[in-house]
Amino acid sequence: MEMLSPGCSQVYLIMSRNYLVTCDICDAILDFDPAAELSIQKGHDSALTALSRYRQVAVAFIEAGSEQVTRLHFDSAVQDRGGRLVLLGNTAENELDAHSPCLRWPVLARPVSTQMIRAQLALLKPGAGNKNRVAGLV
């Protein structure tokens, strides 16, 4: 069964095991888009299942590194739904710190601030965002 957002609201998927980071992301999204539909998941399997229920996703915040995102096909699933993928968590932060050539998505690195989350959401608006296309930077 495919879920459609009530009133055509944007869908945001958050897969994080860190309660405080999840709360910060949710608060920033709802400030940015009060009509947003949030799908909050604690594991990769449940996040993939939740993602499969939607036709469109605005942004998917996924706690994973590049290899895992590719292996689990989060990258294609989010892209197929017209969304943006933002990584978070230890593995993604380590890749960012190491300037890994595998890193193709922005990373929400700790300490996470509302401004950092809003910067990722602002990229949904045409003409906004990272003009240099450097992973992890806005």
C-alpha atoms as a PDB file:
ATOM      1  CA  MET A   1       0.000   0.000   0.000  1.00  0.00           C
ATOM      2  CA  GLU A   2       1.397   3.350  -1.015  1.00  0.00           C
ATOM      3  CA  MET A   3       1.048   6.210   1.417  1.00  0.00           C
ATOM      4  CA  LEU A   4       0.225   9.654   0.175  1.00  0.00           C
ATOM      5  CA  SER A   5       0.828  12.662   2.310  1.00  0.00           C
ATOM      6  CA  PRO A   6      -2.364  14.336   3.501  1.00  0.00           C
ATOM      7  CA  GLY A   7      -2.822  17.657   1.743  1.00  0.00           C
ATOM      8  CA  CYS A   8       0.271  16.998  -0.397  1.00  0.00           C
ATOM      9  CA  SER A   9       2.626  17.797   2.474  1.00  0.00           C
ATOM     10  CA  GLN A  10       6.320  17.031   2.096  1.00  0.00           C
ATOM     11  CA  VAL A  11       7.617  13.786   3.583  1.00  0.00           C
ATOM     12  CA  TYR A  12      10.838  13.711   5.594  1.00  0.00           C
ATOM     13  CA  LEU A  13      12.427  10.424   6.640  1.00  0.00           C
ATOM     14  CA  ILE A  14      14.689  10.342   9.681  1.00  0.00           C
ATOM     15  CA  MET A  15      16.645   7.204  10.553  1.00  0.00           C
ATOM     16  CA  SER A  16      18.668   7.879  13.653  1.00  0.00           C
ATOM     17  CA  ARG A  17      19.352   6.031  16.873  1.00  0.00           C
ATOM     18  CA  ASN A  18      20.321   9.269  18.623  1.00  0.00           C
ATOM     19  CA  TYR A  19      17.219  10.619  20.350  1.00  0.00           C
ATOM     20  CA  LEU A  20      18.487  14.192  20.730  1.00  0.00           C
ATOM     21  CA  VAL A  21      19.635  14.474  17.113  1.00  0.00           C
ATOM     22  CA  THR A  22      16.261  13.064  15.998  1.00  0.00           C
ATOM     23  CA  CYS A  23      14.414  15.647  18.104  1.00  0.00           C
ATOM     24  CA  ASP A  24      16.568  18.472  16.729  1.00  0.00           C
ATOM     25  CA  ILE A  25      15.921  17.382  13.138  1.00  0.00           C
ATOM     26  CA  CYS A  26      12.165  17.062  13.769  1.00  0.00           C
ATOM     27  CA  ASP A  27      11.963  20.507  15.385  1.00  0.00           C
ATOM     28  CA  ALA A  28      13.911  22.152  12.559  1.00  0.00           C
ATOM     29  CA  ILE A  29      11.769  20.469   9.903  1.00  0.00           C
ATOM     30  CA  LEU A  30       8.510  21.500  11.563  1.00  0.00           C
ATOM     31  CA  ASP A  31       9.778  25.087  11.900  1.00  0.00           C
ATOM     32  CA  PHE A  32      10.707  25.045   8.203  1.00  0.00           C
ATOM     33  CA  ASP A  33       7.606  23.173   7.005  1.00  0.00           C
ATOM     34  CA  PRO A  34       4.749  23.096   9.559  1.00  0.00           C
ATOM     35  CA  ALA A  35       2.710  20.776   7.312  1.00  0.00           C
ATOM     36  CA  ALA A  36       5.532  18.234   7.010  1.00  0.00           C
ATOM     37  CA  GLU A  37       4.928  14.526   7.404  1.00  0.00           C
ATOM     38  CA  LEU A  38       7.708  12.942   9.447  1.00  0.00           C
ATOM     39  CA  SER A  39       8.643   9.277   9.272  1.00  0.00           C
ATOM     40  CA  ILE A  40      10.975   8.470  12.158  1.00  0.00           C
ATOM     41  CA  GLN A  41      12.752   5.129  12.146  1.00  0.00           C
ATOM     42  CA  LYS A  42      15.352   3.550  14.441  1.00  0.00           C
ATOM     43  CA  GLY A  43      16.763   0.973  12.034  1.00  0.00           C
ATOM     44  CA  HIS A  44      17.781   0.650   8.399  1.00  0.00           C
ATOM     45  CA  ASP A  45      15.278  -2.118   7.612  1.00  0.00           C
ATOM     46  CA  SER A  46      12.337  -0.175   9.000  1.00  0.00           C
ATOM     47  CA  ALA A  47      13.532   2.963   7.217  1.00  0.00           C
ATOM     48  CA  LEU A  48      13.678   1.148   3.865  1.00  0.00           C
ATOM     49  CA  THR A  49      10.218  -0.288   4.461  1.00  0.00           C
ATOM     50  CA  ALA A  50       8.853   3.146   5.372  1.00  0.00           C
ATOM     51  CA  LEU A  51      10.551   4.731   2.356  1.00  0.00           C
ATOM     52  CA  SER A  52       8.982   2.183   0.002  1.00  0.00           C
ATOM     53  CA  ARG A  53       5.520   3.384   1.047  1.00  0.00           C
ATOM     54  CA  TYR A  54       5.993   6.875  -0.391  1.00  0.00           C
ATOM     55  CA  ARG A  55       5.978   8.183  -3.942  1.00  0.00           C
ATOM     56  CA  GLN A  56       7.914  11.289  -2.974  1.00  0.00           C
ATOM     57  CA  VAL A  57      10.311  12.211  -0.198  1.00  0.00           C
ATOM     58  CA  ALA A  58      11.782  15.662   0.353  1.00  0.00           C
ATOM     59  CA  VAL A  59      14.810  14.710   2.469  1.00  0.00           C
ATOM     60  CA  ALA A  60      15.991  11.467   4.050  1.00  0.00           C
ATOM     61  CA  PHE A  61      18.321  11.884   7.019  1.00  0.00           C
ATOM     62  CA  ILE A  62      20.028   8.489   7.344  1.00  0.00           C
ATOM     63  CA  GLU A  63      22.489   7.389  10.017  1.00  0.00           C
ATOM     64  CA  ALA A  64      24.959   5.516   7.832  1.00  0.00           C
ATOM     65  CA  GLY A  65      28.156   5.791   5.869  1.00  0.00           C
ATOM     66  CA  SER A  66      28.473   5.871   2.096  1.00  0.00           C
ATOM     67  CA  GLU A  67      29.130   2.150   1.653  1.00  0.00           C
ATOM     68  CA  GLN A  68      26.116   1.173   3.713  1.00  0.00           C
ATOM     69  CA  VAL A  69      23.842   3.669   1.975  1.00  0.00           C
ATOM     70  CA  THR A  70      24.857   2.254  -1.399  1.00  0.00           C
ATOM     71  CA  ARG A  71      24.713  -1.401  -0.301  1.00  0.00           C
ATOM     72  CA  LEU A  72      21.215  -0.975   1.154  1.00  0.00           C
ATOM     73  CA  HIS A  73      20.100   1.081  -1.881  1.00  0.00           C
ATOM     74  CA  PHE A  74      19.019   4.109   0.153  1.00  0.00           C
ATOM     75  CA  ASP A  75      20.675   6.298  -2.463  1.00  0.00           C
ATOM     76  CA  SER A  76      18.555   5.042  -5.353  1.00  0.00           C
ATOM     77  CA  ALA A  77      15.372   4.745  -3.264  1.00  0.00           C
ATOM     78  CA  VAL A  78      15.595   8.379  -2.168  1.00  0.00           C
ATOM     79  CA  GLN A  79      16.617   9.608  -5.610  1.00  0.00           C
ATOM     80  CA  ASP A  80      13.747   7.672  -7.254  1.00  0.00           C
ATOM     81  CA  ARG A  81      11.389   9.599  -4.972  1.00  0.00           C
ATOM     82  CA  GLY A  82      12.868  12.962  -5.914  1.00  0.00           C
ATOM     83  CA  GLY A  83      14.474  13.435  -2.528  1.00  0.00           C
ATOM     84  CA  ARG A  84      17.781  14.469  -1.074  1.00  0.00           C
ATOM     85  CA  LEU A  85      19.910  12.200   1.066  1.00  0.00           C
ATOM     86  CA  VAL A  86      21.745  13.555   4.109  1.00  0.00           C
ATOM     87  CA  LEU A  87      24.015  11.275   6.116  1.00  0.00           C
ATOM     88  CA  LEU A  88      24.688  11.397   9.832  1.00  0.00           C
ATOM     89  CA  GLY A  89      26.372   9.353  12.529  1.00  0.00           C
ATOM     90  CA  ASN A  90      29.887   8.173  13.319  1.00  0.00           C
ATOM     91  CA  THR A  91      30.689   6.483  10.010  1.00  0.00           C
ATOM     92  CA  ALA A  92      29.528   9.438   7.923  1.00  0.00           C
ATOM     93  CA  GLU A  93      31.411  11.876  10.165  1.00  0.00           C
ATOM     94  CA  ASN A  94      34.583   9.780   9.878  1.00  0.00           C
ATOM     95  CA  GLU A  95      34.282   9.821   6.086  1.00  0.00           C
ATOM     96  CA  LEU A  96      33.830  13.595   6.154  1.00  0.00           C
ATOM     97  CA  ASP A  97      36.851  14.078   8.424  1.00  0.00           C
ATOM     98  CA  ALA A  98      38.973  11.822   6.196  1.00  0.00           C
ATOM     99  CA  HIS A  99      37.797  13.608   3.016  1.00  0.00           C
ATOM    100  CA  SER A 100      36.766  10.210   1.677  1.00  0.00           C
ATOM    101  CA  PRO A 101      36.316  10.075  -2.102  1.00  0.00           C
ATOM    102  CA  CYS A 102      33.371   7.711  -1.482  1.00  0.00           C
ATOM    103  CA  LEU A 103      31.375  10.450   0.222  1.00  0.00           C
ATOM    104  CA  ARG A 104      28.838  11.803  -2.276  1.00  0.00           C
ATOM    105  CA  TRP A 105      26.217  13.175   0.105  1.00  0.00           C
ATOM    106  CA  PRO A 106      26.139  15.955   2.659  1.00  0.00           C
ATOM    107  CA  VAL A 107      26.835  15.006   6.269  1.00  0.00           C
ATOM    108  CA  LEU A 108      25.087  16.431   9.294  1.00  0.00           C
ATOM    109  CA  ALA A 109      28.075  16.383  11.658  1.00  0.00           C
ATOM    110  CA  ARG A 110      27.825  16.722  15.420  1.00  0.00           C
ATOM    111  CA  PRO A 111      27.357  18.919  17.263  1.00  0.00           C
ATOM    112  CA  VAL A 112      24.208  19.385  15.199  1.00  0.00           C
ATOM    113  CA  SER A 113      22.663  22.841  15.214  1.00  0.00           C
ATOM    114  CA  THR A 114      19.313  24.085  13.979  1.00  0.00           C
ATOM    115  CA  GLN A 115      21.176  26.246  11.467  1.00  0.00           C
ATOM    116  CA  MET A 116      22.935  23.172  10.012  1.00  0.00           C
ATOM    117  CA  ILE A 117      19.645  21.318   9.609  1.00  0.00           C
ATOM    118  CA  ARG A 118      17.924  24.353   8.090  1.00  0.00           C
ATOM    119  CA  ALA A 119      20.788  24.664   5.610  1.00  0.00           C
ATOM    120  CA  GLN A 120      19.965  21.158   4.340  1.00  0.00           C
ATOM    121  CA  LEU A 121      16.262  22.001   4.150  1.00  0.00           C
ATOM    122  CA  ALA A 122      16.924  25.307   2.395  1.00  0.00           C
ATOM    123  CA  LEU A 123      18.429  23.331  -0.478  1.00  0.00           C
ATOM    124  CA  LEU A 124      14.871  22.275  -1.329  1.00  0.00           C
ATOM    125  CA  LYS A 125      14.283  25.801  -2.557  1.00  0.00           C
ATOM    126  CA  PRO A 126      15.567  26.554  -6.073  1.00  0.00           C
ATOM    127  CA  GLY A 127      18.759  28.589  -6.175  1.00  0.00           C
ATOM    128  CA  ALA A 128      19.764  27.894  -2.569  1.00  0.00           C
ATOM    129  CA  GLY A 129      22.617  25.894  -1.196  1.00  0.00           C
ATOM    130  CA  ASN A 130      26.074  24.651  -1.842  1.00  0.00           C
ATOM    131  CA  LYS A 131      27.364  26.234  -5.026  1.00  0.00           C
ATOM    132  CA  ASN A 132      30.685  24.365  -4.782  1.00  0.00           C
ATOM    133  CA  ARG A 133      29.136  20.891  -4.542  1.00  0.00           C
ATOM    134  CA  VAL A 134      31.509  19.851  -1.776  1.00  0.00           C
ATOM    135  CA  ALA A 135      30.186  16.998   0.346  1.00  0.00           C
ATOM    136  CA  GLY A 136      29.291  18.044   3.856  1.00  0.00           C
ATOM    137  CA  LEU A 137      29.430  21.779   3.176  1.00  0.00           C
ATOM    138  CA  VAL A 138      26.615  24.249   2.590  1.00  0.00           C
END
